[in-house]
Amino acid sequence: MRGSAKRVTMATTSLLTSSHTPSIPPSITPLHLSGNTTASQNEHLQELLGEAVHTAYLAVIEQLDRNSAQIVLEVGKKLKVEMAASVVEIIHRHTATDKFKDEEVGSNRVYPPTYRVRPIEAQVTELKKLFPSLGSCMEKLARKPLLEGAEAWFAIPRWQAIAPTYNEAVEVVLGVLATKRKFQNRIIGRLGPTYLRQSERSKLAAKILADQQQGHDIMVVAAQAGMLHLGCSARRARLRMAGNEFGAGAFAVACMLLTHPERLSAEDALMIDCGGDEYSVRGDVTFDRVPLFDYDIAGIEFSIFYEDRSRNLWGSPSAFLYKFD
């Protein structure tokens, strides 16, 4: 359930080192991936809400007498504010879908106690050390307050700055990860485009980020490392995502693990599925799996799992878009 997931996330963010205090309300505007509402939608919404208000009015005047009506009128300004807030809350509640809701399970998994998000400058320094050809980064973006759902600012290279194709970029970062950690790749040799691809939503989000931060090889991204969608199947997590939220794929998650090795460093820690990618186990048109990063005493394991299976062991990292001023 999204509400409980948010509470867990907010509790977790207090453990993370960041230049931002989680209690600061966002002052930046979300950028929704599906675009703004249409004129037709606005017209129908206005009609729907107007009918609801009129129905409420008819019910209220049946219950009020002259004195109580006058009391209500005297606090009219306060009433309007409270009513508007209530209506917005109700509408937001109904934007969530129940589709695949049975693919959520309870979980008490958390991040490892040693995990802390590093300042963006330290992340950039580490990435440039690992990939010397990387160029600049707009580090100052990490001074902005975080959007709801995000835990911290992460430095993620554009995959185009690493390799000619997304699939080759994934193999490159996995190769570097293998030099830094005990690492097993269970799908080695099966990471070409017939097996692995970005979801359309994550591909669009990556393009928007690159357009917003033009000329820079390393993107500054507001993200969460899995706790927000704790215990959800990959496809349920995708449906739960906010309008400006998108799943992190294997490339982004591998980069996060390179700059934050502690994120996956304990057997009882929250494991990671990469819902921003889709995987075909036979290399055909059926993309019904997702890449997965797991951890045990042998180190990190990279494999795949069904997109419709939920387990209490993992969560899906995701990132958030916002409008530039």
Protein backbone atom coordinates (compact mmCIF):
# COMPACT_ATOMS: atom_id res chain seq x y z
CA MET A 1 0.00 0.00 0.00
CA ARG A 2 1.41 3.32 -1.11
CA GLY A 3 0.67 5.14 2.13
CA SER A 4 2.51 2.63 4.27
CA ALA A 5 5.37 2.58 1.79
CA LYS A 6 5.68 6.35 2.08
CA ARG A 7 5.84 6.13 5.87
CA VAL A 8 8.61 3.54 5.63
CA THR A 9 10.49 5.71 3.14
CA MET A 10 10.30 8.82 5.29
CA ALA A 11 11.56 6.85 8.28
CA THR A 12 14.42 5.56 6.19
CA THR A 13 15.49 8.88 4.75
CA SER A 14 16.43 10.09 8.21
CA LEU A 15 19.24 7.54 8.08
CA LEU A 16 20.68 8.88 4.86
CA THR A 17 23.38 11.51 4.62
CA SER A 18 22.12 14.30 2.40
CA SER A 19 22.44 18.05 2.16
CA HIS A 20 18.64 18.24 2.35
CA THR A 21 16.37 17.81 5.34
CA PRO A 22 13.50 15.40 4.44
CA SER A 23 10.98 17.58 6.26
CA ILE A 24 11.53 20.50 3.86
CA PRO A 25 8.46 20.67 1.61
CA PRO A 26 9.23 20.48 -2.11
CA SER A 27 9.39 23.83 -3.88
CA ILE A 28 9.97 22.33 -7.32
CA THR A 29 7.24 21.17 -9.67
CA PRO A 30 6.91 17.53 -10.79
CA LEU A 31 7.23 16.86 -14.52
CA HIS A 32 4.69 14.20 -15.45
CA LEU A 33 5.76 11.72 -18.08
CA SER A 34 2.30 11.40 -19.68
CA GLY A 35 1.99 15.17 -20.16
CA ASN A 36 -0.55 17.70 -18.90
CA THR A 37 -4.28 17.05 -18.73
CA THR A 38 -6.23 17.72 -21.94
CA ALA A 39 -8.89 20.42 -22.37
CA SER A 40 -11.52 17.70 -22.65
CA GLN A 41 -10.36 16.04 -19.41
CA ASN A 42 -10.38 19.40 -17.62
CA GLU A 43 -13.93 20.08 -18.79
CA HIS A 44 -15.18 16.69 -17.63
CA LEU A 45 -13.37 16.97 -14.30
CA GLN A 46 -14.90 20.39 -13.68
CA GLU A 47 -18.35 19.00 -14.50
CA LEU A 48 -17.83 15.96 -12.25
CA LEU A 49 -16.62 18.03 -9.30
CA GLY A 50 -19.38 20.61 -9.79
CA GLU A 51 -22.01 17.88 -9.62
CA ALA A 52 -20.40 16.47 -6.47
CA VAL A 53 -20.40 19.89 -4.78
CA HIS A 54 -24.05 20.46 -5.73
CA THR A 55 -25.02 17.06 -4.31
CA ALA A 56 -23.18 17.90 -1.07
CA TYR A 57 -24.95 21.27 -0.94
CA LEU A 58 -28.40 19.66 -1.27
CA ALA A 59 -27.59 17.16 1.48
CA VAL A 60 -26.25 19.89 3.82
CA ILE A 61 -29.20 22.27 3.58
CA GLU A 62 -31.46 19.41 4.59
CA GLN A 63 -29.44 19.01 7.80
CA LEU A 64 -28.81 22.64 8.79
CA ASP A 65 -31.14 25.07 10.52
CA ARG A 66 -30.91 28.86 10.34
CA ASN A 67 -28.45 29.15 13.26
CA SER A 68 -26.08 26.38 12.16
CA ALA A 69 -26.12 27.68 8.57
CA GLN A 70 -25.07 31.12 9.84
CA ILE A 71 -22.22 29.59 11.87
CA VAL A 72 -20.97 27.83 8.73
CA LEU A 73 -21.17 31.03 6.69
CA GLU A 74 -19.13 32.92 9.31
CA VAL A 75 -16.22 30.50 8.84
CA GLY A 76 -16.63 30.42 5.08
CA LYS A 77 -13.00 31.16 4.22
CA LYS A 78 -11.67 28.40 6.46
CA LEU A 79 -14.35 26.04 5.16
CA LYS A 80 -13.33 26.59 1.53
CA VAL A 81 -9.69 25.84 2.32
CA GLU A 82 -10.57 22.62 4.17
CA MET A 83 -13.00 21.51 1.48
CA ALA A 84 -10.46 22.10 -1.28
CA ALA A 85 -7.80 20.12 0.61
CA SER A 86 -10.25 17.26 1.22
CA VAL A 87 -11.29 17.12 -2.43
CA VAL A 88 -7.66 17.06 -3.62
CA GLU A 89 -6.86 14.25 -1.16
CA ILE A 90 -9.86 12.21 -2.31
CA ILE A 91 -8.97 12.65 -5.98
CA HIS A 92 -5.36 11.63 -5.38
CA ARG A 93 -6.57 8.55 -3.55
CA HIS A 94 -8.61 7.53 -6.58
CA THR A 95 -5.72 7.95 -9.00
CA ALA A 96 -4.17 4.77 -7.57
CA THR A 97 -5.15 1.57 -9.35
CA ASP A 98 -5.95 -1.77 -7.70
CA LYS A 99 -4.62 -3.67 -10.71
CA PHE A 100 -2.16 -6.38 -9.61
CA LYS A 101 -2.72 -5.33 -5.98
CA ASP A 102 -2.43 -8.99 -4.94
CA GLU A 103 1.21 -8.76 -6.05
CA GLU A 104 2.18 -6.85 -2.89
CA VAL A 105 3.46 -8.61 0.23
CA GLY A 106 4.47 -7.34 3.65
CA SER A 107 8.15 -6.97 4.40
CA ASN A 108 10.42 -5.86 7.21
CA ARG A 109 13.49 -5.59 5.00
CA VAL A 110 15.54 -2.39 5.33
CA TYR A 111 18.70 -0.87 3.91
CA PRO A 112 21.98 -2.04 5.49
CA PRO A 113 22.89 0.07 8.54
CA THR A 114 26.16 1.16 6.91
CA TYR A 115 24.40 2.60 3.86
CA ARG A 116 24.57 6.37 3.51
CA VAL A 117 24.02 8.44 0.38
CA ARG A 118 27.18 10.37 -0.40
CA PRO A 119 27.26 14.04 -1.44
CA ILE A 120 26.81 14.39 -5.18
CA GLU A 121 30.38 15.72 -5.58
CA ALA A 122 31.78 12.53 -4.01
CA GLN A 123 29.62 10.40 -6.32
CA VAL A 124 30.84 12.29 -9.38
CA THR A 125 34.47 11.93 -8.29
CA GLU A 126 34.05 8.16 -7.92
CA LEU A 127 32.36 7.79 -11.31
CA LYS A 128 35.10 9.75 -13.05
CA LYS A 129 37.68 7.56 -11.36
CA LEU A 130 35.95 4.45 -12.70
CA PHE A 131 35.17 5.94 -16.12
CA PRO A 132 37.87 8.55 -16.91
CA SER A 133 36.23 9.59 -20.19
CA LEU A 134 33.17 11.02 -18.41
CA GLY A 135 32.69 14.76 -18.71
CA SER A 136 30.87 17.33 -16.60
CA CYS A 137 27.93 17.26 -14.20
CA MET A 138 25.54 19.96 -12.91
CA GLU A 139 26.29 19.24 -9.24
CA LYS A 140 24.42 22.38 -8.14
CA LEU A 141 21.10 20.69 -8.96
CA ALA A 142 21.56 18.58 -5.84
CA ARG A 143 21.04 21.71 -3.73
CA LYS A 144 17.36 21.70 -4.62
CA PRO A 145 14.81 20.21 -2.19
CA LEU A 146 13.66 16.69 -2.98
CA LEU A 147 10.34 15.78 -4.50
CA GLU A 148 7.94 13.54 -2.59
CA GLY A 149 9.06 9.92 -2.79
CA ALA A 150 12.72 10.64 -3.50
CA GLU A 151 15.30 9.81 -0.83
CA ALA A 152 18.37 11.58 -2.17
CA TRP A 153 20.18 12.94 -5.21
CA PHE A 154 22.21 10.40 -7.18
CA ALA A 155 24.80 10.85 -9.92
CA ILE A 156 24.01 8.58 -12.89
CA PRO A 157 25.96 8.81 -16.17
CA ARG A 158 24.15 8.94 -19.49
CA TRP A 159 24.62 5.45 -20.91
CA GLN A 160 25.62 7.08 -24.23
CA ALA A 161 28.72 8.43 -22.46
CA ILE A 162 29.75 4.85 -21.60
CA ALA A 163 29.02 2.82 -24.75
CA PRO A 164 27.34 3.04 -28.19
CA THR A 165 24.23 1.09 -27.10
CA TYR A 166 22.30 0.66 -23.87
CA ASN A 167 23.04 -3.07 -23.78
CA GLU A 168 26.77 -2.54 -24.20
CA ALA A 169 26.69 0.14 -21.48
CA VAL A 170 25.05 -2.33 -19.09
CA GLU A 171 27.78 -4.88 -19.80
CA VAL A 172 30.49 -2.26 -19.25
CA VAL A 173 29.21 -1.16 -15.82
CA LEU A 174 28.63 -4.78 -14.77
CA GLY A 175 32.22 -5.52 -15.79
CA VAL A 176 33.51 -2.65 -13.65
CA LEU A 177 31.30 -3.77 -10.76
CA ALA A 178 32.86 -7.24 -11.03
CA THR A 179 36.33 -5.71 -10.52
CA LYS A 180 35.18 -4.01 -7.32
CA ARG A 181 33.03 -6.69 -5.67
CA LYS A 182 32.55 -10.44 -5.56
CA PHE A 183 30.15 -10.72 -8.46
CA GLN A 184 28.30 -13.42 -10.36
CA ASN A 185 26.47 -12.71 -13.60
CA ARG A 186 23.87 -15.46 -14.12
CA ILE A 187 22.86 -14.14 -17.55
CA ILE A 188 26.31 -13.49 -19.01
CA GLY A 189 26.19 -13.63 -22.80
CA ARG A 190 22.44 -12.94 -22.76
CA LEU A 191 22.36 -9.18 -22.44
CA GLY A 192 21.89 -8.22 -26.07
CA PRO A 193 18.86 -6.27 -27.36
CA THR A 194 16.81 -9.42 -28.00
CA TYR A 195 17.05 -10.18 -24.26
CA LEU A 196 17.31 -6.86 -22.45
CA ARG A 197 15.65 -3.52 -23.19
CA GLN A 198 14.63 -0.36 -21.38
CA SER A 199 10.95 0.14 -20.70
CA GLU A 200 9.39 2.83 -22.88
CA ARG A 201 8.68 4.96 -19.80
CA SER A 202 12.27 4.81 -18.55
CA LYS A 203 13.61 5.45 -22.05
CA LEU A 204 11.47 8.59 -22.31
CA ALA A 205 12.54 9.76 -18.84
CA ALA A 206 16.21 9.31 -19.72
CA LYS A 207 15.73 11.45 -22.83
CA ILE A 208 14.01 14.18 -20.79
CA LEU A 209 16.83 14.17 -18.24
CA ALA A 210 19.44 14.41 -20.99
CA ASP A 211 17.56 17.29 -22.63
CA GLN A 212 17.30 19.12 -19.29
CA GLN A 213 20.99 18.64 -18.49
CA GLN A 214 22.35 19.09 -22.01
CA GLY A 215 26.08 18.90 -22.53
CA HIS A 216 26.71 16.92 -19.35
CA ASP A 217 27.76 13.27 -19.16
CA ILE A 218 26.62 12.70 -15.58
CA MET A 219 22.98 13.32 -14.69
CA VAL A 220 21.84 14.50 -11.26
CA VAL A 221 18.76 12.43 -10.47
CA ALA A 222 16.31 12.49 -7.57
CA ALA A 223 15.75 8.84 -6.69
CA GLN A 224 14.90 6.23 -4.09
CA ALA A 225 16.82 2.98 -3.67
CA GLY A 226 13.93 0.51 -3.39
CA MET A 227 12.09 1.11 -0.13
CA LEU A 228 9.17 2.99 -1.68
CA HIS A 229 7.98 -0.12 -3.53
CA LEU A 230 8.96 -2.63 -0.89
CA GLY A 231 7.46 -6.12 -1.39
CA CYS A 232 5.86 -5.34 -4.78
CA SER A 233 6.22 -7.27 -8.02
CA ALA A 234 7.95 -5.25 -10.73
CA ARG A 235 4.74 -4.69 -12.69
CA ARG A 236 2.80 -3.69 -9.57
CA ALA A 237 5.58 -1.22 -8.68
CA ARG A 238 5.33 0.30 -12.15
CA LEU A 239 1.59 0.86 -11.71
CA ARG A 240 2.08 2.44 -8.28
CA MET A 241 4.53 5.01 -9.56
CA ALA A 242 3.62 8.68 -9.50
CA GLY A 243 3.13 10.60 -12.76
CA ASN A 244 6.70 11.92 -12.65
CA GLU A 245 8.28 8.66 -11.46
CA PHE A 246 10.03 5.98 -13.53
CA GLY A 247 11.79 2.71 -12.77
CA ALA A 248 15.58 2.41 -12.60
CA GLY A 249 17.10 -0.12 -14.96
CA ALA A 250 20.16 -2.35 -14.62
CA PHE A 251 22.50 0.38 -15.85
CA ALA A 252 21.33 3.00 -13.33
CA VAL A 253 21.23 0.51 -10.44
CA ALA A 254 24.74 -0.78 -11.23
CA CYS A 255 26.01 2.81 -11.20
CA MET A 256 24.32 3.40 -7.83
CA LEU A 257 26.05 0.27 -6.49
CA LEU A 258 29.40 1.50 -7.77
CA THR A 259 29.06 4.79 -5.86
CA HIS A 260 27.27 3.18 -2.88
CA PRO A 261 28.58 -0.38 -2.37
CA GLU A 262 27.04 -0.49 1.11
CA ARG A 263 23.54 -0.49 -0.42
CA LEU A 264 23.94 -4.20 -1.18
CA SER A 265 26.24 -5.50 1.53
CA ALA A 266 24.20 -7.69 3.89
CA GLU A 267 22.18 -10.88 3.38
CA ASP A 268 19.13 -9.54 5.22
CA ALA A 269 19.13 -6.21 3.35
CA LEU A 270 16.50 -5.19 0.82
CA MET A 271 17.42 -6.70 -2.54
CA ILE A 272 16.91 -4.89 -5.84
CA ASP A 273 14.85 -5.53 -8.94
CA CYS A 274 15.37 -3.26 -11.92
CA GLY A 275 11.84 -2.43 -13.06
CA GLY A 276 13.08 0.19 -15.50
CA ASP A 277 14.22 -2.66 -17.77
CA GLU A 278 12.40 -5.57 -19.38
CA TYR A 279 13.91 -9.00 -20.06
CA SER A 280 13.05 -11.85 -22.43
CA VAL A 281 14.36 -15.17 -21.17
CA ARG A 282 14.19 -16.77 -24.64
CA GLY A 283 15.31 -13.71 -26.55
CA ASP A 284 11.96 -13.42 -28.33
CA VAL A 285 9.05 -10.95 -28.16
CA THR A 286 7.97 -12.02 -24.66
CA PHE A 287 9.52 -9.57 -22.19
CA ASP A 288 8.06 -10.85 -18.91
CA ARG A 289 11.13 -10.79 -16.64
CA VAL A 290 13.20 -8.06 -14.98
CA PRO A 291 16.90 -7.92 -14.03
CA LEU A 292 17.64 -8.49 -10.35
CA PHE A 293 20.55 -7.71 -8.03
CA ASP A 294 20.77 -10.10 -5.07
CA TYR A 295 23.35 -10.58 -2.32
CA ASP A 296 24.68 -13.50 -0.26
CA ILE A 297 27.99 -14.62 1.19
CA ALA A 298 29.29 -15.22 -2.35
CA GLY A 299 28.76 -11.52 -3.10
CA ILE A 300 26.43 -9.77 -5.56
CA GLU A 301 24.45 -11.89 -7.99
CA PHE A 302 22.92 -10.48 -11.17
CA SER A 303 20.04 -12.52 -12.55
CA ILE A 304 16.41 -12.23 -13.66
CA PHE A 305 12.98 -12.87 -12.16
CA TYR A 306 9.32 -12.85 -13.21
CA GLU A 307 7.78 -9.38 -13.41
CA ASP A 308 4.53 -10.65 -11.84
CA ARG A 309 6.06 -12.31 -8.76
CA SER A 310 6.22 -10.46 -5.45
CA ARG A 311 8.56 -11.35 -2.61
CA ASN A 312 9.34 -9.67 0.68
CA LEU A 313 13.05 -9.71 -0.17
CA TRP A 314 13.23 -6.80 -2.56
CA GLY A 315 12.02 -3.44 -3.78
CA SER A 316 12.23 -1.45 -7.02
CA PRO A 317 14.42 1.67 -7.18
CA SER A 318 12.92 4.59 -9.08
CA ALA A 319 13.65 8.20 -10.00
CA PHE A 320 11.63 11.40 -10.36
CA LEU A 321 11.41 14.18 -12.93
CA TYR A 322 10.80 17.84 -12.13
CA LYS A 323 10.37 21.00 -14.19
CA PHE A 324 13.36 23.26 -14.56
CA ASP A 325 12.81 26.89 -13.55
